[in-house]
Amino acid sequence: MQKQKKSSKCSKRKNFKIYWDRVAMVAMVPILAVGLYSATFPSNVVEFEEREIIVQNGDTLWTIAKDAVGETEDVRQTIREIMTTNKLQDGTIHPGMTLRVRAIKE
């Protein structure tokens, strides 16, 4: 009796090796490309303008900042900008004060 020779398919399969690190790198290229494109070309560009606001009774820096930038930016950062621009030592404001505020252009 002769031994049957194993098919060449089986031997080829043993030599086939998947390099998962290379597969992962190739898969990451389109993901990074989309991320970079989105960061480079934002779809919603917001324009700002400088405004003078007269503080009304009951106003706070928080409400003024939130009215100025809405949901586009962090209100805390806008408060810091208002304080720096207007040379406020603390967050105390009084009715009748005029504040320069960077606000969304209408």
PDB file of N, CA and C in Angstrom:
ATOM      1  N   MET A   1       0.812  -1.189   0.000  1.00  0.00           N
ATOM      2  CA  MET A   1       0.000   0.000   0.000  1.00  0.00           C
ATOM      3  C   MET A   1       0.857   1.255   0.000  1.00  0.00           C
ATOM      4  N   GLN A   2       0.449   2.120  -0.829  1.00  0.00           N
ATOM      5  CA  GLN A   2       1.188   3.372  -0.900  1.00  0.00           C
ATOM      6  C   GLN A   2       0.480   4.428  -0.054  1.00  0.00           C
ATOM      7  N   LYS A   3       1.312   5.264   0.526  1.00  0.00           N
ATOM      8  CA  LYS A   3       0.745   6.371   1.294  1.00  0.00           C
ATOM      9  C   LYS A   3       0.283   7.444   0.322  1.00  0.00           C
ATOM     10  N   GLN A   4      -0.852   7.968   0.629  1.00  0.00           N
ATOM     11  CA  GLN A   4      -1.344   9.053  -0.221  1.00  0.00           C
ATOM     12  C   GLN A   4      -0.641  10.350   0.153  1.00  0.00           C
ATOM     13  N   LYS A   5      -0.311  11.043  -0.870  1.00  0.00           N
ATOM     14  CA  LYS A   5       0.356  12.314  -0.672  1.00  0.00           C
ATOM     15  C   LYS A   5      -0.676  13.353  -0.229  1.00  0.00           C
ATOM     16  N   LYS A   6      -0.295  14.162   0.760  1.00  0.00           N
ATOM     17  CA  LYS A   6      -1.205  15.226   1.207  1.00  0.00           C
ATOM     18  C   LYS A   6      -1.314  16.266   0.110  1.00  0.00           C
ATOM     19  N   SER A   7      -2.472  16.819   0.017  1.00  0.00           N
ATOM     20  CA  SER A   7      -2.672  17.810  -1.032  1.00  0.00           C
ATOM     21  C   SER A   7      -1.839  19.055  -0.747  1.00  0.00           C
ATOM     22  N   SER A   8      -1.532  19.742  -1.796  1.00  0.00           N
ATOM     23  CA  SER A   8      -0.706  20.941  -1.651  1.00  0.00           C
ATOM     24  C   SER A   8      -1.473  22.069  -0.976  1.00  0.00           C
ATOM     25  N   LYS A   9      -2.796  22.015  -1.021  1.00  0.00           N
ATOM     26  CA  LYS A   9      -3.605  23.045  -0.359  1.00  0.00           C
ATOM     27  C   LYS A   9      -3.309  23.080   1.133  1.00  0.00           C
ATOM     28  N   CYS A  10      -3.213  21.929   1.718  1.00  0.00           N
ATOM     29  CA  CYS A  10      -2.989  21.838   3.148  1.00  0.00           C
ATOM     30  C   CYS A  10      -1.626  22.423   3.501  1.00  0.00           C
ATOM     31  N   SER A  11      -0.620  22.122   2.742  1.00  0.00           N
ATOM     32  CA  SER A  11       0.709  22.634   3.037  1.00  0.00           C
ATOM     33  C   SER A  11       0.777  24.150   2.826  1.00  0.00           C
ATOM     34  N   LYS A  12       0.068  24.663   1.841  1.00  0.00           N
ATOM     35  CA  LYS A  12       0.042  26.113   1.630  1.00  0.00           C
ATOM     36  C   LYS A  12      -0.649  26.821   2.785  1.00  0.00           C
ATOM     37  N   ARG A  13      -1.663  26.212   3.300  1.00  0.00           N
ATOM     38  CA  ARG A  13      -2.409  26.822   4.390  1.00  0.00           C
ATOM     39  C   ARG A  13      -1.528  26.969   5.628  1.00  0.00           C
ATOM     40  N   LYS A  14      -0.657  26.041   5.863  1.00  0.00           N
ATOM     41  CA  LYS A  14       0.230  26.114   7.028  1.00  0.00           C
ATOM     42  C   LYS A  14       1.180  27.300   6.913  1.00  0.00           C
ATOM     43  N   ASN A  15       1.559  27.658   5.708  1.00  0.00           N
ATOM     44  CA  ASN A  15       2.506  28.752   5.516  1.00  0.00           C
ATOM     45  C   ASN A  15       1.822  30.121   5.533  1.00  0.00           C
ATOM     46  N   PHE A  16       0.511  30.136   5.466  1.00  0.00           N
ATOM     47  CA  PHE A  16      -0.235  31.387   5.455  1.00  0.00           C
ATOM     48  C   PHE A  16      -0.260  31.948   6.870  1.00  0.00           C
ATOM     49  N   LYS A  17       0.260  33.146   7.028  1.00  0.00           N
ATOM     50  CA  LYS A  17       0.312  33.771   8.342  1.00  0.00           C
ATOM     51  C   LYS A  17      -0.285  35.163   8.246  1.00  0.00           C
ATOM     52  N   ILE A  18      -1.143  35.494   9.162  1.00  0.00           N
ATOM     53  CA  ILE A  18      -1.766  36.822   9.187  1.00  0.00           C
ATOM     54  C   ILE A  18      -0.949  37.710  10.115  1.00  0.00           C
ATOM     55  N   TYR A  19      -0.548  38.833   9.599  1.00  0.00           N
ATOM     56  CA  TYR A  19       0.178  39.818  10.391  1.00  0.00           C
ATOM     57  C   TYR A  19      -0.836  40.839  10.901  1.00  0.00           C
ATOM     58  N   TRP A  20      -1.339  40.595  12.101  1.00  0.00           N
ATOM     59  CA  TRP A  20      -2.426  41.413  12.637  1.00  0.00           C
ATOM     60  C   TRP A  20      -2.001  42.861  12.863  1.00  0.00           C
ATOM     61  N   ASP A  21      -0.740  43.073  13.176  1.00  0.00           N
ATOM     62  CA  ASP A  21      -0.298  44.451  13.367  1.00  0.00           C
ATOM     63  C   ASP A  21      -0.404  45.244  12.067  1.00  0.00           C
ATOM     64  N   ARG A  22      -0.111  44.600  10.946  1.00  0.00           N
ATOM     65  CA  ARG A  22      -0.223  45.283   9.655  1.00  0.00           C
ATOM     66  C   ARG A  22      -1.678  45.480   9.257  1.00  0.00           C
ATOM     67  N   VAL A  23      -2.507  44.513   9.566  1.00  0.00           N
ATOM     68  CA  VAL A  23      -3.939  44.643   9.271  1.00  0.00           C
ATOM     69  C   VAL A  23      -4.520  45.806  10.067  1.00  0.00           C
ATOM     70  N   ALA A  24      -4.131  45.916  11.325  1.00  0.00           N
ATOM     71  CA  ALA A  24      -4.629  47.007  12.162  1.00  0.00           C
ATOM     72  C   ALA A  24      -4.167  48.363  11.633  1.00  0.00           C
ATOM     73  N   MET A  25      -2.920  48.447  11.191  1.00  0.00           N
ATOM     74  CA  MET A  25      -2.419  49.717  10.661  1.00  0.00           C
ATOM     75  C   MET A  25      -3.151  50.112   9.380  1.00  0.00           C
ATOM     76  N   VAL A  26      -3.410  49.155   8.518  1.00  0.00           N
ATOM     77  CA  VAL A  26      -4.130  49.452   7.284  1.00  0.00           C
ATOM     78  C   VAL A  26      -5.557  49.886   7.593  1.00  0.00           C
ATOM     79  N   ALA A  27      -6.168  49.291   8.603  1.00  0.00           N
ATOM     80  CA  ALA A  27      -7.538  49.657   8.975  1.00  0.00           C
ATOM     81  C   ALA A  27      -7.594  51.055   9.598  1.00  0.00           C
ATOM     82  N   MET A  28      -6.512  51.469  10.255  1.00  0.00           N
ATOM     83  CA  MET A  28      -6.497  52.767  10.923  1.00  0.00           C
ATOM     84  C   MET A  28      -6.329  53.928   9.942  1.00  0.00           C
ATOM     85  N   VAL A  29      -5.762  53.700   8.788  1.00  0.00           N
ATOM     86  CA  VAL A  29      -5.498  54.782   7.831  1.00  0.00           C
ATOM     87  C   VAL A  29      -6.775  55.529   7.445  1.00  0.00           C
ATOM     88  N   PRO A  30      -7.868  54.849   7.030  1.00  0.00           N
ATOM     89  CA  PRO A  30      -9.073  55.620   6.676  1.00  0.00           C
ATOM     90  C   PRO A  30      -9.700  56.319   7.879  1.00  0.00           C
ATOM     91  N   ILE A  31      -9.589  55.716   9.053  1.00  0.00           N
ATOM     92  CA  ILE A  31     -10.154  56.340  10.252  1.00  0.00           C
ATOM     93  C   ILE A  31      -9.411  57.638  10.553  1.00  0.00           C
ATOM     94  N   LEU A  32      -8.093  57.591  10.498  1.00  0.00           N
ATOM     95  CA  LEU A  32      -7.304  58.800  10.736  1.00  0.00           C
ATOM     96  C   LEU A  32      -7.540  59.850   9.659  1.00  0.00           C
ATOM     97  N   ALA A  33      -7.684  59.415   8.425  1.00  0.00           N
ATOM     98  CA  ALA A  33      -7.928  60.362   7.333  1.00  0.00           C
ATOM     99  C   ALA A  33      -9.223  61.117   7.538  1.00  0.00           C
ATOM    100  N   VAL A  34     -10.276  60.434   7.930  1.00  0.00           N
ATOM    101  CA  VAL A  34     -11.567  61.085   8.178  1.00  0.00           C
ATOM    102  C   VAL A  34     -11.461  62.038   9.358  1.00  0.00           C
ATOM    103  N   GLY A  35     -10.757  61.620  10.413  1.00  0.00           N
ATOM    104  CA  GLY A  35     -10.585  62.487  11.581  1.00  0.00           C
ATOM    105  C   GLY A  35      -9.820  63.748  11.252  1.00  0.00           C
ATOM    106  N   LEU A  36      -8.746  63.617  10.504  1.00  0.00           N
ATOM    107  CA  LEU A  36      -7.968  64.793  10.124  1.00  0.00           C
ATOM    108  C   LEU A  36      -8.756  65.715   9.198  1.00  0.00           C
ATOM    109  N   TYR A  37      -9.509  65.147   8.289  1.00  0.00           N
ATOM    110  CA  TYR A  37     -10.326  65.953   7.389  1.00  0.00           C
ATOM    111  C   TYR A  37     -11.364  66.746   8.181  1.00  0.00           C
ATOM    112  N   SER A  38     -11.997  66.081   9.147  1.00  0.00           N
ATOM    113  CA  SER A  38     -13.023  66.752   9.954  1.00  0.00           C
ATOM    114  C   SER A  38     -12.420  67.863  10.789  1.00  0.00           C
ATOM    115  N   ALA A  39     -11.213  67.638  11.313  1.00  0.00           N
ATOM    116  CA  ALA A  39     -10.565  68.661  12.135  1.00  0.00           C
ATOM    117  C   ALA A  39     -10.080  69.835  11.292  1.00  0.00           C
ATOM    118  N   THR A  40      -9.673  69.564  10.074  1.00  0.00           N
ATOM    119  CA  THR A  40      -9.142  70.612   9.205  1.00  0.00           C
ATOM    120  C   THR A  40     -10.234  71.465   8.590  1.00  0.00           C
ATOM    121  N   PHE A  41     -11.336  70.845   8.223  1.00  0.00           N
ATOM    122  CA  PHE A  41     -12.424  71.548   7.554  1.00  0.00           C
ATOM    123  C   PHE A  41     -13.707  71.428   8.370  1.00  0.00           C
ATOM    124  N   PRO A  42     -13.836  72.220   9.449  1.00  0.00           N
ATOM    125  CA  PRO A  42     -15.044  72.113  10.263  1.00  0.00           C
ATOM    126  C   PRO A  42     -16.279  72.544   9.468  1.00  0.00           C
ATOM    127  N   SER A  43     -17.365  71.855   9.724  1.00  0.00           N
ATOM    128  CA  SER A  43     -18.584  72.134   8.962  1.00  0.00           C
ATOM    129  C   SER A  43     -19.356  73.328   9.514  1.00  0.00           C
ATOM    130  N   ASN A  44     -19.156  73.641  10.769  1.00  0.00           N
ATOM    131  CA  ASN A  44     -19.908  74.744  11.356  1.00  0.00           C
ATOM    132  C   ASN A  44     -18.941  75.796  11.908  1.00  0.00           C
ATOM    133  N   VAL A  45     -18.575  76.737  11.078  1.00  0.00           N
ATOM    134  CA  VAL A  45     -17.684  77.809  11.481  1.00  0.00           C
ATOM    135  C   VAL A  45     -18.530  78.909  12.111  1.00  0.00           C
ATOM    136  N   VAL A  46     -18.138  79.307  13.322  1.00  0.00           N
ATOM    137  CA  VAL A  46     -18.878  80.320  14.061  1.00  0.00           C
ATOM    138  C   VAL A  46     -18.057  81.604  14.066  1.00  0.00           C
ATOM    139  N   GLU A  47     -18.691  82.703  13.702  1.00  0.00           N
ATOM    140  CA  GLU A  47     -18.023  84.000  13.719  1.00  0.00           C
ATOM    141  C   GLU A  47     -18.434  84.772  14.965  1.00  0.00           C
ATOM    142  N   PHE A  48     -17.456  85.498  15.530  1.00  0.00           N
ATOM    143  CA  PHE A  48     -17.704  86.275  16.737  1.00  0.00           C
ATOM    144  C   PHE A  48     -17.498  87.745  16.452  1.00  0.00           C
ATOM    145  N   GLU A  49     -18.115  88.568  17.295  1.00  0.00           N
ATOM    146  CA  GLU A  49     -17.935  90.015  17.211  1.00  0.00           C
ATOM    147  C   GLU A  49     -17.843  90.576  18.621  1.00  0.00           C
ATOM    148  N   GLU A  50     -17.231  91.731  18.739  1.00  0.00           N
ATOM    149  CA  GLU A  50     -17.106  92.407  20.029  1.00  0.00           C
ATOM    150  C   GLU A  50     -18.364  93.244  20.257  1.00  0.00           C
ATOM    151  N   ARG A  51     -18.957  93.097  21.450  1.00  0.00           N
ATOM    152  CA  ARG A  51     -20.161  93.870  21.797  1.00  0.00           C
ATOM    153  C   ARG A  51     -19.974  94.550  23.143  1.00  0.00           C
ATOM    154  N   GLU A  52     -20.717  95.616  23.327  1.00  0.00           N
ATOM    155  CA  GLU A  52     -20.783  96.255  24.640  1.00  0.00           C
ATOM    156  C   GLU A  52     -22.144  95.958  25.231  1.00  0.00           C
ATOM    157  N   ILE A  53     -22.128  95.424  26.440  1.00  0.00           N
ATOM    158  CA  ILE A  53     -23.375  95.042  27.114  1.00  0.00           C
ATOM    159  C   ILE A  53     -23.489  95.852  28.394  1.00  0.00           C
ATOM    160  N   ILE A  54     -24.654  96.416  28.623  1.00  0.00           N
ATOM    161  CA  ILE A  54     -24.919  97.132  29.875  1.00  0.00           C
ATOM    162  C   ILE A  54     -25.561  96.142  30.832  1.00  0.00           C
ATOM    163  N   VAL A  55     -24.942  95.979  31.989  1.00  0.00           N
ATOM    164  CA  VAL A  55     -25.413  95.018  32.985  1.00  0.00           C
ATOM    165  C   VAL A  55     -26.763  95.470  33.520  1.00  0.00           C
ATOM    166  N   GLN A  56     -27.712  94.541  33.506  1.00  0.00           N
ATOM    167  CA  GLN A  56     -29.057  94.795  34.023  1.00  0.00           C
ATOM    168  C   GLN A  56     -29.182  94.189  35.423  1.00  0.00           C
ATOM    169  N   ASN A  57     -30.210  94.606  36.145  1.00  0.00           N
ATOM    170  CA  ASN A  57     -30.464  94.060  37.471  1.00  0.00           C
ATOM    171  C   ASN A  57     -30.712  92.549  37.358  1.00  0.00           C
ATOM    172  N   GLY A  58     -30.004  91.755  38.133  1.00  0.00           N
ATOM    173  CA  GLY A  58     -30.168  90.298  38.116  1.00  0.00           C
ATOM    174  C   GLY A  58     -29.202  89.570  37.189  1.00  0.00           C
ATOM    175  N   ASP A  59     -28.434  90.316  36.383  1.00  0.00           N
ATOM    176  CA  ASP A  59     -27.452  89.678  35.504  1.00  0.00           C
ATOM    177  C   ASP A  59     -26.283  89.123  36.306  1.00  0.00           C
ATOM    178  N   THR A  60     -25.732  88.031  35.833  1.00  0.00           N
ATOM    179  CA  THR A  60     -24.498  87.474  36.373  1.00  0.00           C
ATOM    180  C   THR A  60     -23.539  87.268  35.203  1.00  0.00           C
ATOM    181  N   LEU A  61     -22.275  87.081  35.502  1.00  0.00           N
ATOM    182  CA  LEU A  61     -21.323  86.808  34.434  1.00  0.00           C
ATOM    183  C   LEU A  61     -21.708  85.528  33.691  1.00  0.00           C
ATOM    184  N   TRP A  62     -22.244  84.569  34.421  1.00  0.00           N
ATOM    185  CA  TRP A  62     -22.646  83.310  33.798  1.00  0.00           C
ATOM    186  C   TRP A  62     -23.750  83.553  32.752  1.00  0.00           C
ATOM    187  N   THR A  63     -24.792  84.303  33.130  1.00  0.00           N
ATOM    188  CA  THR A  63     -25.896  84.521  32.184  1.00  0.00           C
ATOM    189  C   THR A  63     -25.448  85.365  30.997  1.00  0.00           C
ATOM    190  N   ILE A  64     -24.592  86.352  31.243  1.00  0.00           N
ATOM    191  CA  ILE A  64     -24.086  87.189  30.154  1.00  0.00           C
ATOM    192  C   ILE A  64     -23.247  86.342  29.201  1.00  0.00           C
ATOM    193  N   ALA A  65     -22.362  85.515  29.745  1.00  0.00           N
ATOM    194  CA  ALA A  65     -21.501  84.670  28.910  1.00  0.00           C
ATOM    195  C   ALA A  65     -22.319  83.641  28.138  1.00  0.00           C
ATOM    196  N   LYS A  66     -23.308  83.047  28.797  1.00  0.00           N
ATOM    197  CA  LYS A  66     -24.132  82.041  28.126  1.00  0.00           C
ATOM    198  C   LYS A  66     -24.956  82.669  27.004  1.00  0.00           C
ATOM    199  N   ASP A  67     -25.470  83.866  27.236  1.00  0.00           N
ATOM    200  CA  ASP A  67     -26.210  84.564  26.178  1.00  0.00           C
ATOM    201  C   ASP A  67     -25.287  84.920  25.009  1.00  0.00           C
ATOM    202  N   ALA A  68     -24.025  85.213  25.308  1.00  0.00           N
ATOM    203  CA  ALA A  68     -23.087  85.637  24.275  1.00  0.00           C
ATOM    204  C   ALA A  68     -22.645  84.490  23.371  1.00  0.00           C
ATOM    205  N   VAL A  69     -22.358  83.314  23.965  1.00  0.00           N
ATOM    206  CA  VAL A  69     -21.798  82.219  23.163  1.00  0.00           C
ATOM    207  C   VAL A  69     -22.716  81.016  23.036  1.00  0.00           C
ATOM    208  N   GLY A  70     -23.787  80.981  23.784  1.00  0.00           N
ATOM    209  CA  GLY A  70     -24.720  79.847  23.698  1.00  0.00           C
ATOM    210  C   GLY A  70     -24.044  78.523  24.001  1.00  0.00           C
ATOM    211  N   GLU A  71     -24.273  77.547  23.141  1.00  0.00           N
ATOM    212  CA  GLU A  71     -23.713  76.214  23.340  1.00  0.00           C
ATOM    213  C   GLU A  71     -22.432  75.994  22.540  1.00  0.00           C
ATOM    214  N   THR A  72     -21.919  77.032  21.866  1.00  0.00           N
ATOM    215  CA  THR A  72     -20.766  76.842  20.989  1.00  0.00           C
ATOM    216  C   THR A  72     -19.456  76.711  21.742  1.00  0.00           C
ATOM    217  N   GLU A  73     -19.345  77.324  22.901  1.00  0.00           N
ATOM    218  CA  GLU A  73     -18.092  77.310  23.649  1.00  0.00           C
ATOM    219  C   GLU A  73     -18.359  77.076  25.129  1.00  0.00           C
ATOM    220  N   ASP A  74     -17.281  76.822  25.842  1.00  0.00           N
ATOM    221  CA  ASP A  74     -17.359  76.633  27.284  1.00  0.00           C
ATOM    222  C   ASP A  74     -17.638  77.987  27.943  1.00  0.00           C
ATOM    223  N   VAL A  75     -18.710  78.050  28.698  1.00  0.00           N
ATOM    224  CA  VAL A  75     -19.118  79.316  29.334  1.00  0.00           C
ATOM    225  C   VAL A  75     -18.048  79.789  30.312  1.00  0.00           C
ATOM    226  N   ARG A  76     -17.383  78.854  30.987  1.00  0.00           N
ATOM    227  CA  ARG A  76     -16.345  79.243  31.958  1.00  0.00           C
ATOM    228  C   ARG A  76     -15.207  79.993  31.272  1.00  0.00           C
ATOM    229  N   GLN A  77     -14.808  79.539  30.089  1.00  0.00           N
ATOM    230  CA  GLN A  77     -13.752  80.219  29.339  1.00  0.00           C
ATOM    231  C   GLN A  77     -14.212  81.615  28.928  1.00  0.00           C
ATOM    232  N   THR A  78     -15.466  81.740  28.536  1.00  0.00           N
ATOM    233  CA  THR A  78     -16.005  83.044  28.152  1.00  0.00           C
ATOM    234  C   THR A  78     -16.035  83.988  29.355  1.00  0.00           C
ATOM    235  N   ILE A  79     -16.376  83.477  30.527  1.00  0.00           N
ATOM    236  CA  ILE A  79     -16.356  84.302  31.747  1.00  0.00           C
ATOM    237  C   ILE A  79     -14.942  84.807  32.013  1.00  0.00           C
ATOM    238  N   ARG A  80     -13.947  83.929  31.877  1.00  0.00           N
ATOM    239  CA  ARG A  80     -12.552  84.356  32.076  1.00  0.00           C
ATOM    240  C   ARG A  80     -12.178  85.451  31.079  1.00  0.00           C
ATOM    241  N   GLU A  81     -12.617  85.308  29.827  1.00  0.00           N
ATOM    242  CA  GLU A  81     -12.330  86.334  28.818  1.00  0.00           C
ATOM    243  C   GLU A  81     -12.990  87.660  29.176  1.00  0.00           C
ATOM    244  N   ILE A  82     -14.227  87.609  29.644  1.00  0.00           N
ATOM    245  CA  ILE A  82     -14.941  88.836  30.039  1.00  0.00           C
ATOM    246  C   ILE A  82     -14.203  89.516  31.186  1.00  0.00           C
ATOM    247  N   MET A  83     -13.786  88.717  32.169  1.00  0.00           N
ATOM    248  CA  MET A  83     -13.082  89.281  33.325  1.00  0.00           C
ATOM    249  C   MET A  83     -11.747  89.898  32.906  1.00  0.00           C
ATOM    250  N   THR A  84     -11.025  89.236  32.025  1.00  0.00           N
ATOM    251  CA  THR A  84      -9.729  89.749  31.574  1.00  0.00           C
ATOM    252  C   THR A  84      -9.903  91.004  30.727  1.00  0.00           C
ATOM    253  N   THR A  85     -10.816  90.963  29.777  1.00  0.00           N
ATOM    254  CA  THR A  85     -11.040  92.098  28.869  1.00  0.00           C
ATOM    255  C   THR A  85     -11.474  93.339  29.626  1.00  0.00           C
ATOM    256  N   ASN A  86     -12.315  93.155  30.634  1.00  0.00           N
ATOM    257  CA  ASN A  86     -12.875  94.284  31.374  1.00  0.00           C
ATOM    258  C   ASN A  86     -12.126  94.579  32.670  1.00  0.00           C
ATOM    259  N   LYS A  87     -11.007  93.895  32.878  1.00  0.00           N
ATOM    260  CA  LYS A  87     -10.148  94.105  34.057  1.00  0.00           C
ATOM    261  C   LYS A  87     -10.927  93.988  35.365  1.00  0.00           C
ATOM    262  N   LEU A  88     -11.725  92.921  35.467  1.00  0.00           N
ATOM    263  CA  LEU A  88     -12.470  92.660  36.700  1.00  0.00           C
ATOM    264  C   LEU A  88     -11.604  91.818  37.633  1.00  0.00           C
ATOM    265  N   GLN A  89     -11.516  92.228  38.891  1.00  0.00           N
ATOM    266  CA  GLN A  89     -10.705  91.493  39.854  1.00  0.00           C
ATOM    267  C   GLN A  89     -11.402  90.213  40.315  1.00  0.00           C
ATOM    268  N   ASP A  90     -12.716  90.304  40.449  1.00  0.00           N
ATOM    269  CA  ASP A  90     -13.505  89.127  40.824  1.00  0.00           C
ATOM    270  C   ASP A  90     -14.761  89.114  39.954  1.00  0.00           C
ATOM    271  N   GLY A  91     -15.692  88.278  40.263  1.00  0.00           N
ATOM    272  CA  GLY A  91     -16.881  88.145  39.439  1.00  0.00           C
ATOM    273  C   GLY A  91     -17.997  89.108  39.781  1.00  0.00           C
ATOM    274  N   THR A  92     -17.690  90.145  40.532  1.00  0.00           N
ATOM    275  CA  THR A  92     -18.718  91.088  40.952  1.00  0.00           C
ATOM    276  C   THR A  92     -19.003  92.097  39.844  1.00  0.00           C
ATOM    277  N   ILE A  93     -20.281  92.160  39.462  1.00  0.00           N
ATOM    278  CA  ILE A  93     -20.731  93.169  38.502  1.00  0.00           C
ATOM    279  C   ILE A  93     -21.956  93.859  39.078  1.00  0.00           C
ATOM    280  N   HIS A  94     -22.198  95.077  38.632  1.00  0.00           N
ATOM    281  CA  HIS A  94     -23.318  95.873  39.152  1.00  0.00           C
ATOM    282  C   HIS A  94     -24.153  96.389  37.991  1.00  0.00           C
ATOM    283  N   PRO A  95     -25.475  96.570  38.220  1.00  0.00           N
ATOM    284  CA  PRO A  95     -26.321  97.142  37.171  1.00  0.00           C
ATOM    285  C   PRO A  95     -25.784  98.499  36.716  1.00  0.00           C
ATOM    286  N   GLY A  96     -25.800  98.695  35.403  1.00  0.00           N
ATOM    287  CA  GLY A  96     -25.308  99.942  34.833  1.00  0.00           C
ATOM    288  C   GLY A  96     -23.877  99.846  34.311  1.00  0.00           C
ATOM    289  N   MET A  97     -23.129  98.817  34.745  1.00  0.00           N
ATOM    290  CA  MET A  97     -21.759  98.642  34.236  1.00  0.00           C
ATOM    291  C   MET A  97     -21.816  98.308  32.755  1.00  0.00           C
ATOM    292  N   THR A  98     -20.818  98.774  32.013  1.00  0.00           N
ATOM    293  CA  THR A  98     -20.699  98.420  30.597  1.00  0.00           C
ATOM    294  C   THR A  98     -19.568  97.424  30.458  1.00  0.00           C
ATOM    295  N   LEU A  99     -19.878  96.259  29.854  1.00  0.00           N
ATOM    296  CA  LEU A  99     -18.885  95.210  29.664  1.00  0.00           C
ATOM    297  C   LEU A  99     -18.665  94.967  28.178  1.00  0.00           C
ATOM    298  N   ARG A 100     -17.404  94.805  27.802  1.00  0.00           N
ATOM    299  CA  ARG A 100     -17.094  94.375  26.436  1.00  0.00           C
ATOM    300  C   ARG A 100     -17.090  92.852  26.435  1.00  0.00           C
ATOM    301  N   VAL A 101     -17.860  92.277  25.497  1.00  0.00           N
ATOM    302  CA  VAL A 101     -18.055  90.833  25.446  1.00  0.00           C
ATOM    303  C   VAL A 101     -17.875  90.343  24.017  1.00  0.00           C
ATOM    304  N   ARG A 102     -17.181  89.234  23.856  1.00  0.00           N
ATOM    305  CA  ARG A 102     -17.055  88.578  22.550  1.00  0.00           C
ATOM    306  C   ARG A 102     -18.266  87.661  22.409  1.00  0.00           C
ATOM    307  N   ALA A 103     -19.105  87.943  21.418  1.00  0.00           N
ATOM    308  CA  ALA A 103     -20.370  87.214  21.242  1.00  0.00           C
ATOM    309  C   ALA A 103     -20.486  86.667  19.825  1.00  0.00           C
ATOM    310  N   ILE A 104     -21.361  85.696  19.664  1.00  0.00           N
ATOM    311  CA  ILE A 104     -21.631  85.125  18.346  1.00  0.00           C
ATOM    312  C   ILE A 104     -22.208  86.205  17.448  1.00  0.00           C
ATOM    313  N   LYS A 105     -21.660  86.299  16.248  1.00  0.00           N
ATOM    314  CA  LYS A 105     -22.143  87.292  15.294  1.00  0.00           C
ATOM    315  C   LYS A 105     -23.521  86.879  14.801  1.00  0.00           C
ATOM    316  N   GLU A 106     -24.436  87.816  14.805  1.00  0.00           N
ATOM    317  CA  GLU A 106     -25.818  87.523  14.377  1.00  0.00           C
ATOM    318  C   GLU A 106     -26.030  87.835  12.930  1.00  0.00           C
TER     319      GLU A 106
END
